């Protein structure tokens, strides 16, 4: 039985290593995509062709109200134009996490 030449084996192992490296990088990318919601939103936005002008008046379709020390924001009015919305920035020192 003849073994493949040393050059052929080196080429074969290089291809295997390249496929393994691409698989590991792809896995790491998609794990980080699921773990980081901001990155996920930016990735989806990039796949959709980047930022576009708003198709509707966003401010008039969001309602704000106070309940004690909390501020309640209702985004349900945006369902007229979008099926999903990514909230990418929230800064409120000392505030609790967002809840439904």
C-alpha atoms as a PDB file:
ATOM      1  CA  UNK A   1       0.000   0.000   0.000  1.00  0.00           C
ATOM      2  CA  UNK A   2       1.460   3.330  -1.057  1.00  0.00           C
ATOM      3  CA  UNK A   3       1.173   6.242   1.292  1.00  0.00           C
ATOM      4  CA  UNK A   4       0.443   9.706  -0.078  1.00  0.00           C
ATOM      5  CA  UNK A   5       3.452  11.906  -0.580  1.00  0.00           C
ATOM      6  CA  UNK A   6       4.679  14.134   2.234  1.00  0.00           C
ATOM      7  CA  UNK A   7       3.632  17.198   0.260  1.00  0.00           C
ATOM      8  CA  UNK A   8       0.073  15.888  -0.200  1.00  0.00           C
ATOM      9  CA  UNK A   9      -0.257  15.070   3.514  1.00  0.00           C
ATOM     10  CA  UNK A  10       0.966  18.554   4.466  1.00  0.00           C
ATOM     11  CA  UNK A  11      -1.606  20.084   2.124  1.00  0.00           C
ATOM     12  CA  UNK A  12      -4.335  17.855   3.547  1.00  0.00           C
ATOM     13  CA  UNK A  13      -3.479  18.767   7.164  1.00  0.00           C
ATOM     14  CA  UNK A  14      -3.386  22.461   6.237  1.00  0.00           C
ATOM     15  CA  UNK A  15      -6.902  22.174   4.816  1.00  0.00           C
ATOM     16  CA  UNK A  16      -8.118  20.353   7.941  1.00  0.00           C
ATOM     17  CA  UNK A  17      -6.539  23.013  10.171  1.00  0.00           C
ATOM     18  CA  UNK A  18      -8.132  25.795   8.103  1.00  0.00           C
ATOM     19  CA  UNK A  19     -11.589  24.208   8.345  1.00  0.00           C
ATOM     20  CA  UNK A  20     -11.151  23.664  12.100  1.00  0.00           C
ATOM     21  CA  UNK A  21     -10.045  27.283  12.619  1.00  0.00           C
ATOM     22  CA  UNK A  22     -12.989  28.599  10.580  1.00  0.00           C
ATOM     23  CA  UNK A  23     -15.392  26.420  12.596  1.00  0.00           C
ATOM     24  CA  UNK A  24     -14.002  27.630  15.921  1.00  0.00           C
ATOM     25  CA  UNK A  25     -14.155  31.280  14.829  1.00  0.00           C
ATOM     26  CA  UNK A  26     -17.706  30.850  13.546  1.00  0.00           C
ATOM     27  CA  UNK A  27     -18.794  29.185  16.795  1.00  0.00           C
ATOM     28  CA  UNK A  28     -17.175  31.963  18.887  1.00  0.00           C
ATOM     29  CA  UNK A  29     -18.838  34.624  16.731  1.00  0.00           C
ATOM     30  CA  UNK A  30     -22.328  33.185  17.106  1.00  0.00           C
ATOM     31  CA  UNK A  31     -21.891  32.549  20.844  1.00  0.00           C
ATOM     32  CA  UNK A  32     -20.857  36.181  21.339  1.00  0.00           C
ATOM     33  CA  UNK A  33     -23.769  37.242  19.131  1.00  0.00           C
ATOM     34  CA  UNK A  34     -26.227  35.517  21.467  1.00  0.00           C
ATOM     35  CA  UNK A  35     -24.495  36.816  24.613  1.00  0.00           C
ATOM     36  CA  UNK A  36     -24.281  40.482  23.579  1.00  0.00           C
ATOM     37  CA  UNK A  37     -27.661  41.955  22.658  1.00  0.00           C
ATOM     38  CA  UNK A  38     -26.207  45.260  21.423  1.00  0.00           C
ATOM     39  CA  UNK A  39     -23.837  43.442  19.075  1.00  0.00           C
ATOM     40  CA  UNK A  40     -26.724  41.256  17.925  1.00  0.00           C
ATOM     41  CA  UNK A  41     -28.809  44.329  17.069  1.00  0.00           C
ATOM     42  CA  UNK A  42     -25.900  45.931  15.200  1.00  0.00           C
ATOM     43  CA  UNK A  43     -25.255  42.686  13.309  1.00  0.00           C
ATOM     44  CA  UNK A  44     -28.911  42.416  12.287  1.00  0.00           C
ATOM     45  CA  UNK A  45     -28.902  46.081  11.257  1.00  0.00           C
ATOM     46  CA  UNK A  46     -25.778  45.554   9.146  1.00  0.00           C
ATOM     47  CA  UNK A  47     -27.333  42.486   7.480  1.00  0.00           C
ATOM     48  CA  UNK A  48     -30.450  44.539   6.679  1.00  0.00           C
ATOM     49  CA  UNK A  49     -28.397  47.160   4.839  1.00  0.00           C
ATOM     50  CA  UNK A  50     -27.465  49.616   7.569  1.00  0.00           C
ATOM     51  CA  UNK A  51     -29.339  52.463   9.162  1.00  0.00           C
ATOM     52  CA  UNK A  52     -32.290  53.840   7.280  1.00  0.00           C
ATOM     53  CA  UNK A  53     -34.494  56.852   8.004  1.00  0.00           C
ATOM     54  CA  UNK A  54     -37.411  56.081  10.282  1.00  0.00           C
ATOM     55  CA  UNK A  55     -40.585  55.051   8.454  1.00  0.00           C
ATOM     56  CA  UNK A  56     -42.777  56.542  11.162  1.00  0.00           C
ATOM     57  CA  UNK A  57     -42.718  59.150  13.912  1.00  0.00           C
ATOM     58  CA  UNK A  58     -41.178  57.106  16.698  1.00  0.00           C
ATOM     59  CA  UNK A  59     -41.665  59.626  19.510  1.00  0.00           C
ATOM     60  CA  UNK A  60     -45.437  59.848  19.062  1.00  0.00           C
ATOM     61  CA  UNK A  61     -45.797  56.043  19.160  1.00  0.00           C
ATOM     62  CA  UNK A  62     -43.979  55.574  22.485  1.00  0.00           C
ATOM     63  CA  UNK A  63     -45.692  56.487  25.730  1.00  0.00           C
ATOM     64  CA  UNK A  64     -43.929  57.420  28.973  1.00  0.00           C
ATOM     65  CA  UNK A  65     -45.506  57.508  32.414  1.00  0.00           C
ATOM     66  CA  UNK A  66     -44.312  57.609  36.018  1.00  0.00           C
ATOM     67  CA  UNK A  67     -45.247  55.000  38.576  1.00  0.00           C
ATOM     68  CA  UNK A  68     -43.733  55.950  41.914  1.00  0.00           C
ATOM     69  CA  UNK A  69     -40.010  56.313  41.325  1.00  0.00           C
ATOM     70  CA  UNK A  70     -40.115  54.248  38.115  1.00  0.00           C
ATOM     71  CA  UNK A  71     -40.595  55.493  34.575  1.00  0.00           C
ATOM     72  CA  UNK A  72     -42.722  53.158  32.469  1.00  0.00           C
ATOM     73  CA  UNK A  73     -42.093  53.176  28.713  1.00  0.00           C
ATOM     74  CA  UNK A  74     -44.578  51.476  26.375  1.00  0.00           C
ATOM     75  CA  UNK A  75     -43.142  50.537  22.969  1.00  0.00           C
ATOM     76  CA  UNK A  76     -46.234  48.638  21.767  1.00  0.00           C
ATOM     77  CA  UNK A  77     -47.240  51.488  19.444  1.00  0.00           C
ATOM     78  CA  UNK A  78     -44.211  50.672  17.304  1.00  0.00           C
ATOM     79  CA  UNK A  79     -45.742  47.312  16.344  1.00  0.00           C
ATOM     80  CA  UNK A  80     -47.565  49.101  13.532  1.00  0.00           C
ATOM     81  CA  UNK A  81     -44.324  49.285  11.539  1.00  0.00           C
ATOM     82  CA  UNK A  82     -41.920  46.778  13.109  1.00  0.00           C
ATOM     83  CA  UNK A  83     -42.168  43.214  14.335  1.00  0.00           C
ATOM     84  CA  UNK A  84     -39.086  43.483  16.587  1.00  0.00           C
ATOM     85  CA  UNK A  85     -37.288  46.380  18.259  1.00  0.00           C
ATOM     86  CA  UNK A  86     -33.781  46.409  19.776  1.00  0.00           C
ATOM     87  CA  UNK A  87     -33.199  48.763  22.692  1.00  0.00           C
ATOM     88  CA  UNK A  88     -29.474  49.417  22.449  1.00  0.00           C
ATOM     89  CA  UNK A  89     -28.848  52.184  24.978  1.00  0.00           C
ATOM     90  CA  UNK A  90     -30.083  52.597  28.525  1.00  0.00           C
ATOM     91  CA  UNK A  91     -28.382  54.794  31.067  1.00  0.00           C
ATOM     92  CA  UNK A  92     -30.004  55.527  34.376  1.00  0.00           C
ATOM     93  CA  UNK A  93     -27.695  55.670  37.413  1.00  0.00           C
ATOM     94  CA  UNK A  94     -29.171  53.700  40.288  1.00  0.00           C
ATOM     95  CA  UNK A  95     -32.150  52.483  38.251  1.00  0.00           C
ATOM     96  CA  UNK A  96     -33.365  48.899  38.382  1.00  0.00           C
ATOM     97  CA  UNK A  97     -33.210  46.668  35.339  1.00  0.00           C
ATOM     98  CA  UNK A  98     -35.927  46.995  32.722  1.00  0.00           C
ATOM     99  CA  UNK A  99     -38.929  44.749  33.178  1.00  0.00           C
ATOM    100  CA  UNK A 100     -41.901  44.065  30.943  1.00  0.00           C
END
